[in-house]
Amino acid sequence: MSGINNREAERLPKIARRRIFNQADQFAQGWYWALPSRHLKPGQPQAVKLLGRDLAIYRDQQGQPVALDAYCPHLGSPLAQGKVEKGQIRCPLHHWQFDQQGTCVAVPNQALPPNARVKSWPTEERYGLVWVWTGEQTSKNLLPLPHVPELVDRPCDAVLSHSFRRNCHPNVLLINAIDAHHFNSVHNLPLEIRFETKTISQNALQFSNVTRGGEASRFVQLIQPLYQNEVTYRLCYWYGSTGTVTLGPDRLHFYLMFALRPASRGTTEGWMILLTPKRPGLRGRIFNSAVLGLTQIVAAYFARGDRQVFERIKFDFKTPLQADGSIVQFMQHVERQPAIAWETWRPLP
């Protein structure tokens, strides 16, 4: 990655003011976490406000999460106050019954009204969270759940570390980890950090550290025996909001996920997730427990990060530098995503 040229720099202010990046009233189509799995008990529907939209989420007979629009189409009573029976949910007022696809399948003592339904949304459950797909629902448009690319086909142990809020948009929060210049100015690393980018899919962009050198630094001399090549530091950003981090010595990588979602007024709600590949047997479980403990220490560093700055930041990117190439690429990547309107979840042109 060689940075940005003058033509890109001239175009950047327009990108920053476009459809999705750092916008409070629209967001990128994709998967967003709705609530922790442990909060969704069988037979206990939950009212959830996700990206401005009200949902009723419950578990069906197989324990799978179901997400429906929150209100009955009859008089608008909240479905989350209703009862779950045989994997379906009953409205608390007149007991209209809806199946997992949102179709009304029964009305006590009345003829079934034609075309009575509520909108349903695809769900997944992973990493201790329930996720909801916000975009169009054809098989072509339903894309993968965020994951660590290196672990895509490997079963993992996952731990929800902690939740957090930040007073800036997820798009802005994510640029901190790919801001090459701040590693020198804030963290005093004796290196000129450089990233290489790779498109994982239309909705996922990976950044990999390709920095070499710094042999005169005592810090680099200390860690160099742990690495055959450059220090492992990779990030993968999904749907402009959720990011994964891979870092650590050659023989032991640590994996983190920042599960972020836009909240009201352009702020962020998020979870830090610790990940490691499953290892067999009792020794494997003991080893993984230790690895996740070490990952928690790494996560604490990332969570602390530059928090004070990002609580007060007013993002206004008008003077890009050569070192800001990764930020520009991320912004351009976000702007290529399908845009969804806040609250209505209506696709935007």
Protein backbone atom coordinates (compact mmCIF):
# COMPACT_ATOMS: atom_id res chain seq x y z
CA MET A 1 0.00 0.00 0.00
CA SER A 2 1.65 3.19 -1.18
CA GLY A 3 -0.76 5.71 0.29
CA ILE A 4 -2.97 8.09 -1.66
CA ASN A 5 -2.32 10.29 -4.66
CA ASN A 6 -3.38 13.90 -5.15
CA ARG A 7 -6.50 12.94 -7.08
CA GLU A 8 -7.68 10.71 -4.21
CA ALA A 9 -6.87 13.41 -1.68
CA GLU A 10 -8.99 15.92 -3.58
CA ARG A 11 -11.88 13.44 -3.66
CA LEU A 12 -11.72 12.49 0.02
CA PRO A 13 -13.84 15.30 1.57
CA LYS A 14 -16.70 14.30 -0.74
CA ILE A 15 -16.38 10.67 0.35
CA ALA A 16 -16.48 11.68 4.01
CA ARG A 17 -19.82 13.44 3.49
CA ARG A 18 -21.48 10.75 1.40
CA ARG A 19 -24.10 8.12 2.11
CA ILE A 20 -22.82 5.85 4.87
CA PHE A 21 -19.51 6.69 6.52
CA ASN A 22 -20.10 8.37 9.89
CA GLN A 23 -23.78 8.99 9.10
CA ALA A 24 -26.37 8.83 11.87
CA ASP A 25 -29.41 8.27 9.64
CA GLN A 26 -28.21 5.37 7.46
CA PHE A 27 -25.81 2.46 7.65
CA ALA A 28 -24.28 -0.39 5.64
CA GLN A 29 -26.40 -3.46 4.96
CA GLY A 30 -25.18 -6.40 7.02
CA TRP A 31 -25.24 -8.44 10.23
CA TYR A 32 -25.50 -6.55 13.52
CA TRP A 33 -25.60 -7.94 17.05
CA ALA A 34 -28.99 -7.58 18.74
CA LEU A 35 -28.50 -8.94 22.29
CA PRO A 36 -26.38 -11.42 24.26
CA SER A 37 -27.53 -15.04 23.97
CA ARG A 38 -27.82 -15.36 27.74
CA HIS A 39 -30.49 -12.64 27.78
CA LEU A 40 -32.77 -14.63 25.47
CA LYS A 41 -34.37 -17.32 27.63
CA PRO A 42 -36.84 -19.90 26.21
CA GLY A 43 -40.41 -18.63 26.49
CA GLN A 44 -39.28 -15.07 27.32
CA PRO A 45 -39.51 -12.75 24.27
CA GLN A 46 -37.30 -9.68 24.37
CA ALA A 47 -38.06 -6.19 23.06
CA VAL A 48 -34.97 -4.93 21.21
CA LYS A 49 -34.34 -1.61 19.47
CA LEU A 50 -31.76 -2.23 16.76
CA LEU A 51 -30.56 0.53 14.44
CA GLY A 52 -33.70 2.53 15.19
CA ARG A 53 -36.11 -0.36 14.51
CA ASP A 54 -38.21 -2.10 17.19
CA LEU A 55 -38.01 -5.90 17.18
CA ALA A 56 -39.47 -8.78 19.20
CA ILE A 57 -36.94 -11.60 19.52
CA TYR A 58 -37.67 -15.04 21.00
CA ARG A 59 -36.55 -18.67 20.77
CA ASP A 60 -38.53 -21.26 18.81
CA GLN A 61 -39.03 -24.92 19.80
CA GLN A 62 -35.51 -25.81 18.64
CA GLY A 63 -34.02 -22.95 20.63
CA GLN A 64 -33.22 -20.91 17.51
CA PRO A 65 -33.67 -17.12 17.71
CA VAL A 66 -36.56 -15.58 15.78
CA ALA A 67 -36.69 -11.84 15.05
CA LEU A 68 -39.98 -10.17 14.08
CA ASP A 69 -41.05 -6.57 13.82
CA ALA A 70 -42.20 -5.56 17.27
CA TYR A 71 -45.89 -4.73 16.84
CA CYS A 72 -49.00 -6.70 15.94
CA PRO A 73 -50.51 -5.50 12.62
CA HIS A 74 -54.00 -5.50 14.17
CA LEU A 75 -53.86 -2.73 16.80
CA GLY A 76 -50.13 -2.40 17.30
CA SER A 77 -49.73 -4.19 20.62
CA PRO A 78 -46.12 -5.18 21.50
CA LEU A 79 -45.43 -8.79 20.60
CA ALA A 80 -42.60 -9.02 23.13
CA GLN A 81 -45.27 -8.91 25.85
CA GLY A 82 -46.97 -11.96 24.33
CA LYS A 83 -46.49 -15.67 24.94
CA VAL A 84 -44.41 -18.19 23.02
CA GLU A 85 -46.32 -21.41 22.26
CA LYS A 86 -44.89 -24.27 20.20
CA GLY A 87 -42.29 -22.02 18.61
CA GLN A 88 -44.80 -19.31 17.67
CA ILE A 89 -45.67 -16.04 19.38
CA ARG A 90 -49.11 -14.79 20.44
CA CYS A 91 -50.08 -11.13 20.60
CA PRO A 92 -50.86 -10.16 24.23
CA LEU A 93 -54.08 -8.32 23.33
CA HIS A 94 -56.25 -10.44 21.00
CA HIS A 95 -53.99 -13.51 20.85
CA TRP A 96 -53.24 -13.37 17.15
CA GLN A 97 -50.58 -16.05 16.59
CA PHE A 98 -47.58 -15.60 14.30
CA ASP A 99 -45.12 -18.23 13.08
CA GLN A 100 -41.35 -17.85 12.66
CA GLN A 101 -41.81 -16.24 9.24
CA GLY A 102 -44.17 -13.62 10.67
CA THR A 103 -47.31 -15.05 9.09
CA CYS A 104 -50.50 -14.89 11.14
CA VAL A 105 -51.62 -18.52 11.52
CA ALA A 106 -54.46 -18.25 14.04
CA VAL A 107 -56.97 -15.75 15.46
CA PRO A 108 -59.18 -17.10 18.28
CA ASN A 109 -62.90 -17.26 17.37
CA GLN A 110 -62.38 -15.21 14.21
CA ALA A 111 -61.74 -15.86 10.55
CA LEU A 112 -58.08 -15.61 9.67
CA PRO A 113 -57.49 -12.17 8.13
CA PRO A 114 -55.95 -12.33 4.64
CA ASN A 115 -52.28 -11.37 4.31
CA ALA A 116 -51.90 -10.61 8.03
CA ARG A 117 -48.21 -10.77 8.86
CA VAL A 118 -45.30 -9.01 10.48
CA LYS A 119 -41.87 -8.67 8.92
CA SER A 120 -39.37 -11.35 9.94
CA TRP A 121 -35.58 -10.98 9.83
CA PRO A 122 -32.87 -13.66 9.46
CA THR A 123 -30.92 -14.41 12.62
CA GLU A 124 -27.71 -16.19 13.59
CA GLU A 125 -26.33 -17.06 17.02
CA ARG A 126 -22.58 -17.05 17.46
CA TYR A 127 -19.87 -15.80 19.82
CA GLY A 128 -22.44 -15.52 22.63
CA LEU A 129 -24.55 -12.99 20.69
CA VAL A 130 -27.75 -13.05 18.63
CA TRP A 131 -27.22 -11.34 15.26
CA VAL A 132 -29.86 -9.95 12.87
CA TRP A 133 -29.50 -9.44 9.13
CA THR A 134 -30.70 -5.96 8.14
CA GLY A 135 -30.73 -6.04 4.34
CA GLU A 136 -32.57 -7.73 1.51
CA GLN A 137 -33.29 -11.39 2.15
CA THR A 138 -32.64 -13.31 -1.06
CA SER A 139 -30.03 -16.08 -0.96
CA LYS A 140 -27.78 -13.85 -3.06
CA ASN A 141 -27.96 -10.94 -0.63
CA LEU A 142 -27.67 -12.90 2.64
CA LEU A 143 -23.91 -12.69 3.27
CA PRO A 144 -21.57 -14.30 5.84
CA LEU A 145 -21.59 -13.46 9.53
CA PRO A 146 -18.46 -11.53 10.63
CA HIS A 147 -15.57 -13.85 11.41
CA VAL A 148 -11.79 -14.01 11.67
CA PRO A 149 -10.65 -15.03 8.15
CA GLU A 150 -7.93 -17.35 9.53
CA LEU A 151 -10.56 -19.20 11.58
CA VAL A 152 -13.36 -19.39 9.02
CA ASP A 153 -13.63 -23.21 8.99
CA ARG A 154 -12.38 -23.91 12.53
CA PRO A 155 -14.60 -24.40 15.61
CA CYS A 156 -13.71 -21.81 18.22
CA ASP A 157 -14.10 -21.10 21.90
CA ALA A 158 -15.57 -17.62 22.34
CA VAL A 159 -16.02 -15.46 25.42
CA LEU A 160 -17.96 -12.20 25.68
CA SER A 161 -15.43 -10.00 27.43
CA HIS A 162 -17.38 -6.80 28.11
CA SER A 163 -19.78 -4.31 26.59
CA PHE A 164 -18.99 -0.65 26.01
CA ARG A 165 -20.32 2.59 24.58
CA ARG A 166 -18.43 5.29 22.72
CA ASN A 167 -19.44 8.81 21.82
CA CYS A 168 -18.61 8.44 18.12
CA HIS A 169 -19.76 6.38 15.14
CA PRO A 170 -18.44 2.78 14.71
CA ASN A 171 -16.89 3.78 11.38
CA VAL A 172 -14.79 6.41 13.14
CA LEU A 173 -13.90 4.12 16.05
CA LEU A 174 -12.58 1.45 13.67
CA ILE A 175 -10.14 3.78 11.91
CA ASN A 176 -8.10 4.03 15.11
CA ALA A 177 -6.66 0.52 14.62
CA ILE A 178 -5.54 1.29 11.02
CA ASP A 179 -4.30 4.83 11.69
CA ALA A 180 -0.63 4.16 10.86
CA HIS A 181 0.57 7.58 11.96
CA HIS A 182 -0.85 7.37 15.50
CA PHE A 183 1.27 4.31 16.33
CA ASN A 184 4.22 6.69 16.35
CA SER A 185 2.60 9.85 17.72
CA VAL A 186 0.56 8.21 20.51
CA HIS A 187 2.13 4.80 21.17
CA ASN A 188 5.75 5.76 20.43
CA LEU A 189 6.49 2.71 18.29
CA PRO A 190 9.92 3.14 16.64
CA LEU A 191 8.59 2.08 13.23
CA GLU A 192 6.86 3.55 10.23
CA ILE A 193 3.77 1.32 10.20
CA ARG A 194 2.52 0.24 6.78
CA PHE A 195 -0.55 -1.82 5.85
CA GLU A 196 -1.39 -3.98 2.88
CA THR A 197 -5.06 -4.43 2.01
CA LYS A 198 -6.93 -7.45 0.71
CA THR A 199 -10.59 -7.67 -0.26
CA ILE A 200 -12.06 -10.75 1.46
CA SER A 201 -15.51 -10.17 -0.03
CA GLN A 202 -17.69 -7.31 -1.18
CA ASN A 203 -18.37 -6.58 2.49
CA ALA A 204 -15.07 -7.46 4.18
CA LEU A 205 -11.71 -5.71 3.87
CA GLN A 206 -8.51 -6.98 5.53
CA PHE A 207 -5.53 -4.87 6.59
CA SER A 208 -2.19 -6.61 7.24
CA ASN A 209 0.94 -5.10 8.75
CA VAL A 210 3.91 -5.30 6.34
CA THR A 211 6.30 -3.21 8.44
CA ARG A 212 9.93 -4.30 8.56
CA GLY A 213 13.03 -2.69 10.02
CA GLY A 214 13.60 -0.85 13.27
CA GLU A 215 16.45 -3.18 14.24
CA ALA A 216 18.19 -0.36 16.12
CA SER A 217 15.28 -0.18 18.55
CA ARG A 218 15.61 -2.13 21.80
CA PHE A 219 11.87 -2.86 21.64
CA VAL A 220 12.19 -4.43 18.18
CA GLN A 221 15.26 -6.40 19.28
CA LEU A 222 13.27 -7.75 22.23
CA ILE A 223 10.31 -9.07 20.22
CA GLN A 224 12.09 -10.03 16.98
CA PRO A 225 12.96 -13.62 18.11
CA LEU A 226 9.22 -14.30 18.35
CA TYR A 227 8.66 -13.55 14.64
CA GLN A 228 10.15 -14.99 11.49
CA ASN A 229 8.97 -12.08 9.37
CA GLU A 230 7.00 -8.91 10.17
CA VAL A 231 5.05 -8.67 13.41
CA THR A 232 1.60 -10.26 12.94
CA TYR A 233 -1.10 -7.60 13.11
CA ARG A 234 -4.14 -8.11 10.89
CA LEU A 235 -7.58 -6.58 10.94
CA CYS A 236 -10.71 -7.51 9.01
CA TYR A 237 -13.60 -5.06 8.86
CA TRP A 238 -17.10 -6.34 8.13
CA TYR A 239 -20.04 -4.17 6.98
CA GLY A 240 -18.20 -1.04 8.13
CA SER A 241 -18.91 -1.74 11.80
CA THR A 242 -17.62 -5.08 13.11
CA GLY A 243 -13.88 -5.76 13.13
CA THR A 244 -11.55 -8.63 14.00
CA VAL A 245 -7.94 -8.43 15.15
CA THR A 246 -5.22 -11.10 14.81
CA LEU A 247 -1.91 -10.48 16.57
CA GLY A 248 0.79 -12.19 18.55
CA PRO A 249 3.93 -14.31 18.08
CA ASP A 250 4.25 -16.77 15.22
CA ARG A 251 3.37 -19.79 17.38
CA LEU A 252 0.48 -18.25 19.31
CA HIS A 253 -1.95 -15.79 17.81
CA PHE A 254 -4.55 -13.89 19.80
CA TYR A 255 -7.94 -13.21 18.22
CA LEU A 256 -10.36 -10.42 19.13
CA MET A 257 -13.63 -9.25 17.68
CA PHE A 258 -15.14 -5.80 18.09
CA ALA A 259 -18.87 -6.37 17.56
CA LEU A 260 -20.07 -2.79 17.03
CA ARG A 261 -23.35 -1.26 15.98
CA PRO A 262 -24.45 2.34 15.41
CA ALA A 263 -26.63 3.72 18.18
CA SER A 264 -28.71 6.89 18.41
CA ARG A 265 -27.12 10.22 17.43
CA GLY A 266 -24.17 8.55 15.72
CA THR A 267 -22.74 6.82 18.79
CA THR A 268 -21.50 3.23 19.26
CA GLU A 269 -22.66 0.22 21.26
CA GLY A 270 -20.29 -2.72 21.27
CA TRP A 271 -18.99 -5.97 22.71
CA MET A 272 -15.43 -7.19 22.92
CA ILE A 273 -15.22 -10.92 22.09
CA LEU A 274 -12.24 -13.19 22.81
CA LEU A 275 -11.64 -16.10 20.41
CA THR A 276 -9.30 -19.07 20.11
CA PRO A 277 -9.50 -22.29 18.08
CA LYS A 278 -10.89 -25.28 19.95
CA ARG A 279 -8.23 -27.75 21.07
CA PRO A 280 -9.01 -31.40 21.91
CA GLY A 281 -9.09 -33.03 25.31
CA LEU A 282 -8.64 -31.80 28.85
CA ARG A 283 -5.23 -30.34 28.08
CA GLY A 284 -6.75 -28.43 25.20
CA ARG A 285 -9.45 -26.95 27.43
CA ILE A 286 -6.90 -25.95 30.07
CA PHE A 287 -4.63 -24.45 27.42
CA ASN A 288 -7.53 -22.52 25.88
CA SER A 289 -8.52 -21.16 29.27
CA ALA A 290 -5.00 -19.78 29.66
CA VAL A 291 -4.96 -18.38 26.12
CA LEU A 292 -8.30 -16.62 26.63
CA GLY A 293 -6.95 -15.18 29.88
CA LEU A 294 -3.97 -13.73 28.00
CA THR A 295 -6.31 -12.52 25.26
CA GLN A 296 -8.30 -10.70 27.94
CA ILE A 297 -5.14 -8.76 28.85
CA VAL A 298 -4.65 -7.85 25.19
CA ALA A 299 -8.34 -6.87 24.95
CA ALA A 300 -7.99 -4.57 27.96
CA TYR A 301 -5.24 -2.69 26.14
CA PHE A 302 -7.38 -2.27 23.02
CA ALA A 303 -10.42 -1.24 25.08
CA ARG A 304 -8.43 1.39 26.90
CA GLY A 305 -6.67 2.56 23.74
CA ASP A 306 -7.28 6.21 22.90
CA ARG A 307 -10.67 6.30 24.59
CA GLN A 308 -10.56 9.90 25.77
CA VAL A 309 -9.89 11.16 22.25
CA PHE A 310 -12.71 9.13 20.73
CA GLU A 311 -15.18 10.30 23.38
CA ARG A 312 -14.74 13.89 22.15
CA ILE A 313 -13.73 13.52 18.50
CA LYS A 314 -15.57 15.52 15.81
CA PHE A 315 -14.54 13.64 12.69
CA ASP A 316 -13.72 16.04 9.83
CA PHE A 317 -11.13 14.55 7.48
CA LYS A 318 -10.13 17.40 5.16
CA THR A 319 -6.33 17.15 5.13
CA PRO A 320 -5.31 13.55 4.28
CA LEU A 321 -1.63 12.64 4.40
CA GLN A 322 0.37 9.85 2.77
CA ALA A 323 0.16 7.92 6.06
CA ASP A 324 -3.66 8.02 5.90
CA GLY A 325 -3.94 5.66 2.93
CA SER A 326 -5.56 2.86 4.94
CA ILE A 327 -8.19 5.24 6.31
CA VAL A 328 -9.04 6.39 2.79
CA GLN A 329 -9.34 2.80 1.59
CA PHE A 330 -11.64 1.91 4.47
CA MET A 331 -13.88 4.91 3.78
CA GLN A 332 -14.09 4.00 0.11
CA HIS A 333 -14.87 0.39 1.03
CA VAL A 334 -17.74 1.47 3.31
CA GLU A 335 -19.17 3.71 0.63
CA ARG A 336 -19.39 0.77 -1.79
CA GLN A 337 -21.78 -1.10 0.54
CA PRO A 338 -25.57 -1.07 0.02
CA ALA A 339 -27.07 1.68 2.19
CA ILE A 340 -29.98 1.11 4.59
CA ALA A 341 -32.14 3.84 6.16
CA TRP A 342 -32.22 4.18 9.96
CA GLU A 343 -35.43 2.83 11.59
CA THR A 344 -37.24 1.88 8.37
CA TRP A 345 -34.40 -0.40 7.16
CA ARG A 346 -35.38 0.64 3.66
CA PRO A 347 -32.67 0.10 1.00
CA LEU A 348 -31.44 3.43 -0.37
CA PRO A 349 -30.44 4.10 -3.97
